[in-house]
Amino acid sequence: MKDSEASFAPTEVTASPLGKFTSSAVIVVVADPGSVEIRQISVAATANMPKISTNVRAETRRLSDLSCGTSLQSSLSFFMTDPEPDAPSGELILLTTGADGRLDKALAVDAPAGLSRSRLTSLIRAGGVARQSGATVTDPKVKVKAGEAFEVLLPPAENPDPQAEDIPLTIVFEDEYLIVVDKPVGMVVHPAPGAPSGTLVNALLHHCGDSLSGINGVKRPGIVHRIDKDTSGLLVVAKTDAAHHGLAEMFASHDLDREYLAVTRGAPNRADPRLMGTPGVTMDPPWFRVETMIGRHPADRKKMAVGRPGRGSDGRIAITRFQVEDRLSDRAALIRCRLETGRTHQIRVHLSHLGHGLVGDQVYGRGKTHGLPEFAANFPRQALHAATLGFVHPISRKCEEYVSKLPPDMHDLVVSLTDHEA
C-alpha cells in the first residue's frame, strides 16, 4: 500500500473511514482500464476528487463486475472485515469554519443548506465532529479560527417515533422538497399525549414514505406551523432539511401570506364606538387592525389571553387584520382574517377580545350564543378555516399561492344563516 497524498485524477474513487470516523485516513480505490491501485490518504486530499462514496464494500463489488480482476478483491481483503462495533455509519463531510468564534457558529457559516447551527450543536455534543488530526470535539462553545477544517459525520436518518398510518389526505401541492395539505376538521397536526395516533404527521409518514430525507436526522415531516384540531385548511410541511430551514425562517420573519375565513357572532362595524374604543383596534381601510400582547391566561393555563396594557411581560406582540366579507345577519358575519404574526389561538383570542368571537368556539365563546339561531348556537366546532397560503418556495424561489374553499360544514352554516335572515 502506498502512503502518499500526491495529486492524481482517478476515474472511480471510493472513500471510507478506517475504523472510527475520527481517523483522518481513508481507503481510496483507483480504477483505470487495466490497473487497480489502493492508496491510503487523508480526508482533505479527497476534496477535489470526482466521486466520493462511503460504501467501500458495494463499490468494490461494482468494480469487480466491470472485470477489474481478482487482484482488486484480494488487495482489499484486509479492509473487508466488519467495522468496529462502535464505529458509526453515515455520510462524512468536510466543513471549514467560516469565522472566528465558537465552533458551532463558525461551522454553520458555510454549512450546506439544511445543516443548521442547532443540528451542528447536537452533532458536536454526540461526538460527530473531529479535527483532521483525529481529535473529537464535543464542546460546541470551543473557540476556533476561521479556515480550520473539521470532519463531520452525518448519521443516517433515524426512523421516527410516530408510526406511519394509511390515512387519506387532500394534497394541494407536492414536490421533492415540500407538501401542501388541506387538513380536515378533527385532525390533530402532531402526536401528543391526548392524540398519539391518527394525526397529520402519522398520515404524512405513510404518504411520503422514503421521499422524506430526514429533518434534523430523523425521517419525519418538518412541521413549521400548526392549526388547531377543530380548525380546517391549508398547511405547508417540509420534506427535506433545506426546505425546513427555509420555511422556518419565513415563518419566523412572518414573510408569507396567511388568510382565514371565520364566522363570528355579530357583524363588526366601524361605526360601533364600543368596537373602535377597544384597546389595540385601529382602521386601515378596508381592514380593521388589532395589535395587542397575547400570552397565557392568568387563571387557565390551557387558554391564551390579551395582555394588560403597560405590562410587557404578558405575552408577545400579536397583529391581526380582518374585514367583513359578508354580513350574514345582525347576529353573524363571514370575516376574512389576515395574520401578521402567528401566536397560539391568535384569531380566536383577538375576535373574542373585540366582542365578536367565533361561532362554535367552546373555549373563547362558551355561553355567548344569545340571539343566534339554534343550528348556529350548536355548531360543533369553531367556525375557522385556513383559506389562503402564499409563500416563496424555499428551493425554487417561485412565488406560490394556494386557496382552499370553505369545507361543507362551514359552507352549510353560512348558507343557513343567510337563509334564516332572509
Protein backbone atom coordinates (compact mmCIF):
# COMPACT_ATOMS: atom_id res chain seq x y z
CA MET A 1 0.00 0.00 0.00
CA LYS A 2 1.29 3.44 -0.84
CA ASP A 3 1.08 6.16 1.79
CA SER A 4 1.01 9.18 -0.46
CA GLU A 5 -1.09 12.28 -0.93
CA ALA A 6 0.23 13.13 -4.37
CA SER A 7 -2.22 14.64 -6.81
CA PHE A 8 -3.98 12.19 -9.11
CA ALA A 9 -7.23 12.05 -11.07
CA PRO A 10 -8.83 8.60 -10.87
CA THR A 11 -11.85 7.68 -12.90
CA GLU A 12 -13.52 5.90 -9.98
CA VAL A 13 -12.97 6.69 -6.32
CA THR A 14 -14.37 5.15 -3.17
CA ALA A 15 -13.52 6.70 0.18
CA SER A 16 -14.30 5.34 3.62
CA PRO A 17 -13.01 5.95 7.16
CA LEU A 18 -10.60 3.43 8.60
CA GLY A 19 -12.26 2.27 11.81
CA LYS A 20 -13.80 5.18 13.72
CA PHE A 21 -14.71 8.21 11.68
CA THR A 22 -12.35 10.35 13.72
CA SER A 23 -9.36 8.89 11.90
CA SER A 24 -8.23 11.11 9.05
CA ALA A 25 -7.08 8.13 6.96
CA VAL A 26 -9.30 6.75 4.20
CA ILE A 27 -9.08 3.94 1.69
CA VAL A 28 -9.11 5.01 -1.95
CA VAL A 29 -9.73 2.56 -4.78
CA VAL A 30 -8.38 3.85 -8.10
CA ALA A 31 -9.75 2.01 -11.11
CA ASP A 32 -8.47 2.62 -14.64
CA PRO A 33 -8.73 0.17 -17.52
CA GLY A 34 -6.12 -2.45 -16.85
CA SER A 35 -4.95 -1.13 -13.50
CA VAL A 36 -6.16 -1.17 -9.92
CA GLU A 37 -4.45 0.64 -7.10
CA ILE A 38 -5.09 1.25 -3.41
CA ARG A 39 -3.80 4.28 -1.54
CA GLN A 40 -4.15 5.50 2.00
CA ILE A 41 -4.55 9.28 2.17
CA SER A 42 -6.14 11.92 4.38
CA VAL A 43 -9.72 13.09 4.11
CA ALA A 44 -8.52 16.53 2.98
CA ALA A 45 -6.81 15.01 -0.06
CA THR A 46 -10.17 13.72 -1.33
CA ALA A 47 -11.72 17.18 -1.54
CA ASN A 48 -11.22 17.60 -5.32
CA MET A 49 -11.84 14.00 -6.35
CA PRO A 50 -14.65 13.44 -8.87
CA LYS A 51 -16.62 10.93 -6.82
CA ILE A 52 -16.71 10.08 -3.14
CA SER A 53 -18.74 7.22 -1.68
CA THR A 54 -18.84 5.93 1.87
CA ASN A 55 -19.65 2.34 0.86
CA VAL A 56 -16.39 0.57 0.06
CA ARG A 57 -17.94 -2.89 0.02
CA ALA A 58 -20.64 -2.07 -2.55
CA GLU A 59 -18.24 -0.13 -4.78
CA THR A 60 -15.75 -2.99 -4.69
CA ARG A 61 -18.39 -5.41 -5.94
CA ARG A 62 -19.36 -2.98 -8.71
CA LEU A 63 -15.78 -2.53 -9.88
CA SER A 64 -15.25 -6.28 -9.78
CA ASP A 65 -18.29 -6.71 -12.04
CA LEU A 66 -16.58 -4.39 -14.51
CA SER A 67 -13.80 -7.01 -14.88
CA CYS A 68 -11.22 -5.22 -12.80
CA GLY A 69 -9.94 -8.67 -11.90
CA THR A 70 -9.50 -10.69 -8.75
CA SER A 71 -6.48 -8.64 -7.72
CA LEU A 72 -8.85 -5.92 -6.52
CA GLN A 73 -10.69 -8.31 -4.22
CA SER A 74 -7.52 -9.75 -2.78
CA SER A 75 -5.94 -6.34 -2.35
CA LEU A 76 -8.97 -5.19 -0.38
CA SER A 77 -9.43 -8.34 1.68
CA PHE A 78 -7.66 -6.73 4.63
CA PHE A 79 -10.24 -3.96 4.70
CA MET A 80 -13.38 -6.02 4.11
CA THR A 81 -13.75 -7.17 7.72
CA ASP A 82 -16.74 -5.94 9.67
CA PRO A 83 -16.34 -2.46 11.17
CA GLU A 84 -15.73 -1.94 14.84
CA PRO A 85 -18.94 -2.34 16.89
CA ASP A 86 -18.85 1.28 17.99
CA ALA A 87 -17.94 2.71 14.62
CA PRO A 88 -20.83 4.93 13.47
CA SER A 89 -22.08 4.89 9.88
CA GLY A 90 -23.31 7.74 7.75
CA GLU A 91 -22.09 10.45 5.43
CA LEU A 92 -18.70 12.01 6.20
CA ILE A 93 -18.28 15.62 5.06
CA LEU A 94 -15.52 18.17 5.44
CA LEU A 95 -16.50 21.62 6.74
CA THR A 96 -14.32 24.70 7.15
CA THR A 97 -15.04 27.29 9.82
CA GLY A 98 -16.31 30.50 8.24
CA ALA A 99 -15.48 32.84 11.10
CA ASP A 100 -13.64 33.19 14.39
CA GLY A 101 -15.61 32.23 17.50
CA ARG A 102 -17.40 29.23 18.97
CA LEU A 103 -17.28 26.06 16.91
CA ASP A 104 -20.99 25.52 16.19
CA LYS A 105 -21.49 29.09 14.95
CA ALA A 106 -18.29 29.05 12.88
CA LEU A 107 -19.21 25.79 11.14
CA ALA A 108 -22.76 27.00 10.44
CA VAL A 109 -21.50 29.98 8.39
CA ASP A 110 -20.68 27.90 5.30
CA ALA A 111 -22.59 24.71 6.12
CA PRO A 112 -24.78 23.14 3.39
CA ALA A 113 -28.41 24.22 3.27
CA GLY A 114 -30.42 22.45 5.93
CA LEU A 115 -27.47 21.82 8.25
CA SER A 116 -28.46 24.36 10.88
CA ARG A 117 -26.47 25.59 13.83
CA SER A 118 -28.73 23.67 16.23
CA ARG A 119 -28.14 20.45 14.27
CA LEU A 120 -24.38 21.06 14.31
CA THR A 121 -24.54 21.66 18.06
CA SER A 122 -26.25 18.29 18.54
CA LEU A 123 -23.72 16.53 16.30
CA ILE A 124 -20.81 18.07 18.21
CA ARG A 125 -22.21 17.01 21.59
CA ALA A 126 -22.81 13.49 20.23
CA GLY A 127 -19.16 13.14 19.21
CA GLY A 128 -19.81 13.53 15.50
CA VAL A 129 -17.28 16.27 14.79
CA ALA A 130 -13.49 15.89 14.74
CA ARG A 131 -10.43 17.84 13.76
CA GLN A 132 -8.42 16.46 10.85
CA SER A 133 -5.83 15.31 13.34
CA GLY A 134 -8.43 12.80 14.54
CA ALA A 135 -9.29 14.54 17.83
CA THR A 136 -13.03 14.51 18.55
CA VAL A 137 -14.54 17.83 19.72
CA THR A 138 -17.59 17.59 21.98
CA ASP A 139 -17.93 21.17 23.19
CA PRO A 140 -19.84 23.40 20.73
CA LYS A 141 -18.50 26.50 22.53
CA VAL A 142 -14.81 25.72 21.93
CA LYS A 143 -13.08 28.68 20.28
CA VAL A 144 -11.80 28.29 16.71
CA LYS A 145 -10.26 30.42 13.99
CA ALA A 146 -11.69 30.97 10.52
CA GLY A 147 -10.39 28.48 7.97
CA GLU A 148 -9.99 25.47 10.28
CA ALA A 149 -11.16 22.16 8.78
CA PHE A 150 -13.36 19.67 10.63
CA GLU A 151 -14.74 16.26 9.69
CA VAL A 152 -18.48 16.00 10.37
CA LEU A 153 -20.29 12.65 10.41
CA LEU A 154 -23.96 12.92 9.41
CA PRO A 155 -25.61 9.74 10.73
CA PRO A 156 -28.32 8.04 8.68
CA ALA A 157 -31.78 9.46 9.30
CA GLU A 158 -33.46 7.60 12.15
CA ASN A 159 -36.93 6.16 11.98
CA PRO A 160 -39.42 8.45 13.75
CA ASP A 161 -41.28 7.59 16.93
CA PRO A 162 -44.72 8.25 15.38
CA GLN A 163 -45.79 5.37 13.15
CA ALA A 164 -46.94 5.70 9.55
CA GLU A 165 -50.70 5.33 9.17
CA ASP A 166 -52.71 4.97 5.97
CA ILE A 167 -54.99 7.97 6.43
CA PRO A 168 -56.49 9.72 3.36
CA LEU A 169 -55.14 13.23 2.73
CA THR A 170 -56.14 16.07 0.44
CA ILE A 171 -52.88 17.04 -1.28
CA VAL A 172 -52.93 20.52 -2.80
CA PHE A 173 -49.29 20.52 -3.98
CA GLU A 174 -46.25 18.30 -3.60
CA ASP A 175 -42.70 18.15 -4.91
CA GLU A 176 -39.48 16.60 -3.61
CA TYR A 177 -38.98 19.39 -1.06
CA LEU A 178 -42.37 20.15 0.49
CA ILE A 179 -46.05 19.30 0.54
CA VAL A 180 -49.17 21.46 0.99
CA VAL A 181 -52.18 19.71 2.50
CA ASP A 182 -55.77 20.73 3.18
CA LYS A 183 -56.31 19.46 6.75
CA PRO A 184 -59.82 18.30 7.62
CA VAL A 185 -61.54 19.36 10.82
CA GLY A 186 -60.95 16.94 13.69
CA MET A 187 -57.37 16.01 12.74
CA VAL A 188 -54.54 16.87 15.15
CA VAL A 189 -51.35 18.02 13.41
CA HIS A 190 -48.75 16.32 15.61
CA PRO A 191 -48.94 13.36 18.04
CA ALA A 192 -49.43 14.42 21.65
CA PRO A 193 -50.37 12.66 24.92
CA GLY A 194 -54.06 13.02 24.15
CA ALA A 195 -53.68 12.10 20.46
CA PRO A 196 -50.88 9.55 19.95
CA SER A 197 -52.14 8.44 16.53
CA GLY A 198 -54.43 9.46 13.69
CA THR A 199 -52.57 12.75 13.25
CA LEU A 200 -51.38 14.61 10.17
CA VAL A 201 -47.82 13.52 10.93
CA ASN A 202 -48.86 9.85 11.00
CA ALA A 203 -50.63 10.29 7.67
CA LEU A 204 -47.67 12.11 6.07
CA LEU A 205 -45.23 9.42 7.18
CA HIS A 206 -47.29 6.90 5.21
CA HIS A 207 -47.93 9.16 2.21
CA CYS A 208 -44.36 10.44 1.80
CA GLY A 209 -42.53 7.23 2.74
CA ASP A 210 -38.93 7.21 1.52
CA SER A 211 -39.25 10.67 -0.03
CA LEU A 212 -38.61 12.09 3.47
CA SER A 213 -34.85 12.69 3.53
CA GLY A 214 -34.81 13.50 7.24
CA ILE A 215 -35.37 16.58 9.37
CA ASN A 216 -32.56 17.10 11.88
CA GLY A 217 -31.53 13.47 11.41
CA VAL A 218 -35.00 11.92 11.74
CA LYS A 219 -37.18 10.67 8.89
CA ARG A 220 -40.19 12.79 9.65
CA PRO A 221 -42.16 15.62 8.05
CA GLY A 222 -40.95 19.07 9.04
CA ILE A 223 -43.83 20.84 10.77
CA VAL A 224 -43.24 24.61 10.61
CA HIS A 225 -46.74 25.75 11.66
CA ARG A 226 -49.90 24.24 13.07
CA ILE A 227 -53.61 24.83 13.10
CA ASP A 228 -55.94 23.62 15.82
CA LYS A 229 -57.65 20.23 15.70
CA ASP A 230 -61.03 21.84 15.07
CA THR A 231 -59.73 24.32 12.50
CA SER A 232 -59.63 23.18 8.88
CA GLY A 233 -57.46 24.32 5.99
CA LEU A 234 -54.02 24.70 4.46
CA LEU A 235 -50.64 23.79 5.91
CA VAL A 236 -47.21 23.53 4.28
CA VAL A 237 -44.87 20.80 5.52
CA ALA A 238 -41.17 20.31 4.70
CA LYS A 239 -39.80 17.02 3.37
CA THR A 240 -36.09 17.94 3.49
CA ASP A 241 -33.78 19.72 5.90
CA ALA A 242 -33.13 22.53 3.41
CA ALA A 243 -36.85 23.18 2.88
CA HIS A 244 -37.50 23.00 6.62
CA HIS A 245 -34.80 25.58 7.31
CA GLY A 246 -36.11 27.93 4.60
CA LEU A 247 -39.76 27.67 5.64
CA ALA A 248 -38.91 28.09 9.33
CA GLU A 249 -37.10 31.35 8.52
CA MET A 250 -40.15 32.63 6.60
CA PHE A 251 -42.50 31.89 9.48
CA ALA A 252 -40.09 33.44 11.99
CA SER A 253 -39.93 36.67 9.94
CA HIS A 254 -43.67 36.49 9.02
CA ASP A 255 -42.62 36.68 5.37
CA LEU A 256 -45.64 34.85 3.92
CA ASP A 257 -49.37 35.32 3.40
CA ARG A 258 -51.97 33.54 5.55
CA GLU A 259 -55.66 34.30 5.41
CA TYR A 260 -58.51 32.63 7.30
CA LEU A 261 -62.27 32.69 6.86
CA ALA A 262 -64.32 32.83 10.05
CA VAL A 263 -67.97 33.08 11.05
CA THR A 264 -68.36 35.44 14.01
CA ARG A 265 -71.07 36.33 16.46
CA GLY A 266 -72.31 39.71 15.34
CA ALA A 267 -71.08 41.84 12.46
CA PRO A 268 -68.17 44.21 13.24
CA ASN A 269 -68.96 47.80 12.28
CA ARG A 270 -66.53 50.70 12.19
CA ALA A 271 -69.38 52.96 13.35
CA ASP A 272 -69.58 51.00 16.61
CA PRO A 273 -67.95 53.21 19.29
CA ARG A 274 -67.51 50.21 21.61
CA LEU A 275 -65.53 48.33 18.95
CA MET A 276 -63.40 51.29 17.89
CA GLY A 277 -62.73 52.11 21.55
CA THR A 278 -61.37 48.62 22.27
CA PRO A 279 -57.64 48.80 23.17
CA GLY A 280 -55.42 47.90 20.21
CA VAL A 281 -58.06 48.44 17.49
CA THR A 282 -57.41 50.84 14.59
CA MET A 283 -58.60 51.16 10.99
CA ASP A 284 -56.52 50.61 7.86
CA PRO A 285 -59.36 50.62 5.31
CA PRO A 286 -60.81 48.27 4.34
CA TRP A 287 -59.15 46.35 7.18
CA PHE A 288 -59.66 46.53 10.92
CA ARG A 289 -56.27 46.15 12.61
CA VAL A 290 -55.82 44.60 16.05
CA GLU A 291 -52.46 44.83 17.82
CA THR A 292 -52.11 43.51 21.37
CA MET A 293 -49.96 41.29 23.51
CA ILE A 294 -51.09 37.67 23.72
CA GLY A 295 -49.92 35.34 26.47
CA ARG A 296 -51.09 32.56 28.78
CA HIS A 297 -54.34 33.19 30.62
CA PRO A 298 -53.51 34.02 34.25
CA ALA A 299 -56.08 31.56 35.64
CA ASP A 300 -56.42 28.89 32.93
CA ARG A 301 -53.04 27.84 31.53
CA LYS A 302 -54.68 26.00 28.62
CA LYS A 303 -56.07 29.27 27.30
CA MET A 304 -54.44 32.37 25.82
CA ALA A 305 -55.45 35.93 26.67
CA VAL A 306 -54.83 39.53 25.67
CA GLY A 307 -52.19 41.04 27.97
CA ARG A 308 -52.92 44.00 30.15
CA PRO A 309 -51.76 47.42 28.85
CA GLY A 310 -48.42 48.50 30.23
CA ARG A 311 -47.32 45.02 31.29
CA GLY A 312 -44.80 43.97 28.66
CA SER A 313 -44.19 40.59 30.29
CA ASP A 314 -47.74 39.47 29.47
CA GLY A 315 -47.03 37.53 26.29
CA ARG A 316 -45.80 38.52 22.85
CA ILE A 317 -46.94 41.06 20.29
CA ALA A 318 -49.76 39.80 18.05
CA ILE A 319 -51.25 41.55 15.00
CA THR A 320 -54.37 40.51 13.10
CA ARG A 321 -56.18 42.30 10.27
CA PHE A 322 -59.78 41.48 9.44
CA GLN A 323 -62.56 42.68 7.19
CA VAL A 324 -66.21 41.75 6.76
CA GLU A 325 -66.74 39.55 3.69
CA ASP A 326 -70.49 39.16 4.15
CA ARG A 327 -73.00 40.28 6.80
CA LEU A 328 -74.99 37.09 7.20
CA SER A 329 -77.45 38.68 9.65
CA ASP A 330 -77.46 41.13 12.51
CA ARG A 331 -76.16 38.26 14.64
CA ALA A 332 -73.38 36.81 12.46
CA ALA A 333 -70.86 37.65 9.72
CA LEU A 334 -68.34 35.96 7.45
CA ILE A 335 -64.95 37.52 8.26
CA ARG A 336 -61.62 37.37 6.40
CA CYS A 337 -58.64 37.45 8.77
CA ARG A 338 -55.03 38.09 7.79
CA LEU A 339 -52.23 37.12 10.18
CA GLU A 340 -49.18 39.34 10.54
CA THR A 341 -47.91 37.23 13.44
CA GLY A 342 -48.66 33.64 14.42
CA ARG A 343 -49.43 33.31 18.11
CA THR A 344 -51.32 30.39 19.60
CA HIS A 345 -55.10 30.84 19.12
CA GLN A 346 -54.40 34.37 17.83
CA ILE A 347 -57.51 34.86 15.69
CA ARG A 348 -59.80 33.28 18.29
CA VAL A 349 -58.39 35.45 21.08
CA HIS A 350 -58.48 38.68 19.08
CA LEU A 351 -62.05 38.24 17.83
CA SER A 352 -63.21 37.36 21.34
CA HIS A 353 -61.38 40.48 22.61
CA LEU A 354 -63.43 42.55 20.13
CA GLY A 355 -66.70 41.03 21.30
CA HIS A 356 -67.14 39.08 18.06
CA GLY A 357 -65.97 35.60 18.97
CA LEU A 358 -66.21 32.65 16.61
CA VAL A 359 -69.43 30.73 16.24
CA GLY A 360 -68.93 27.31 17.84
CA ASP A 361 -65.82 28.27 19.86
CA GLN A 362 -66.22 26.33 23.11
CA VAL A 363 -63.08 27.85 24.68
CA TYR A 364 -63.29 31.58 23.94
CA GLY A 365 -67.02 31.89 23.23
CA ARG A 366 -68.67 29.46 25.63
CA GLY A 367 -72.15 30.61 26.62
CA LYS A 368 -72.07 33.58 24.27
CA THR A 369 -74.73 32.38 21.83
CA HIS A 370 -77.53 34.82 22.65
CA GLY A 371 -79.55 35.67 19.57
CA LEU A 372 -78.05 33.00 17.32
CA PRO A 373 -80.37 30.51 15.61
CA GLU A 374 -80.28 27.08 17.26
CA PHE A 375 -78.29 25.44 14.45
CA ALA A 376 -75.58 28.13 14.77
CA ALA A 377 -75.62 28.08 18.58
CA ASN A 378 -74.99 24.32 18.43
CA PHE A 379 -72.30 24.41 15.72
CA PRO A 380 -69.88 21.70 16.91
CA ARG A 381 -66.55 23.43 16.36
CA GLN A 382 -65.01 26.87 15.98
CA ALA A 383 -66.02 28.22 12.56
CA LEU A 384 -62.48 28.91 11.34
CA HIS A 385 -60.81 27.80 8.08
CA ALA A 386 -57.25 28.42 6.81
CA ALA A 387 -58.26 29.50 3.31
CA THR A 388 -55.15 31.05 1.69
CA LEU A 389 -51.45 30.26 1.98
CA GLY A 390 -48.81 32.12 -0.03
CA PHE A 391 -45.01 31.88 0.22
CA VAL A 392 -41.80 31.86 -1.77
CA HIS A 393 -40.68 28.28 -2.41
CA PRO A 394 -37.53 27.85 -0.27
CA ILE A 395 -35.66 25.96 -3.03
CA SER A 396 -37.02 27.09 -6.42
CA ARG A 397 -37.71 30.65 -5.17
CA LYS A 398 -41.00 30.69 -7.10
CA CYS A 399 -43.97 32.53 -5.61
CA GLU A 400 -46.62 30.00 -4.58
CA GLU A 401 -50.21 30.68 -3.53
CA TYR A 402 -52.89 28.12 -2.66
CA VAL A 403 -56.57 28.62 -1.91
CA SER A 404 -58.99 26.27 -0.15
CA LYS A 405 -62.77 26.64 -0.34
CA LEU A 406 -64.93 26.56 2.77
CA PRO A 407 -65.43 22.97 3.97
CA PRO A 408 -69.00 21.61 3.77
CA ASP A 409 -69.91 22.26 7.42
CA MET A 410 -68.92 25.94 7.29
CA HIS A 411 -70.48 26.37 3.86
CA ASP A 412 -73.76 24.99 5.16
CA LEU A 413 -73.51 27.25 8.22
CA VAL A 414 -73.10 30.36 6.02
CA VAL A 415 -75.97 29.34 3.75
CA SER A 416 -78.24 28.57 6.72
CA LEU A 417 -77.52 31.90 8.40
CA THR A 418 -78.18 33.75 5.14
CA ASP A 419 -81.44 31.90 4.53
CA HIS A 420 -82.51 32.40 8.14
CA GLU A 421 -82.05 36.14 7.86
CA ALA A 422 -83.99 36.24 4.59
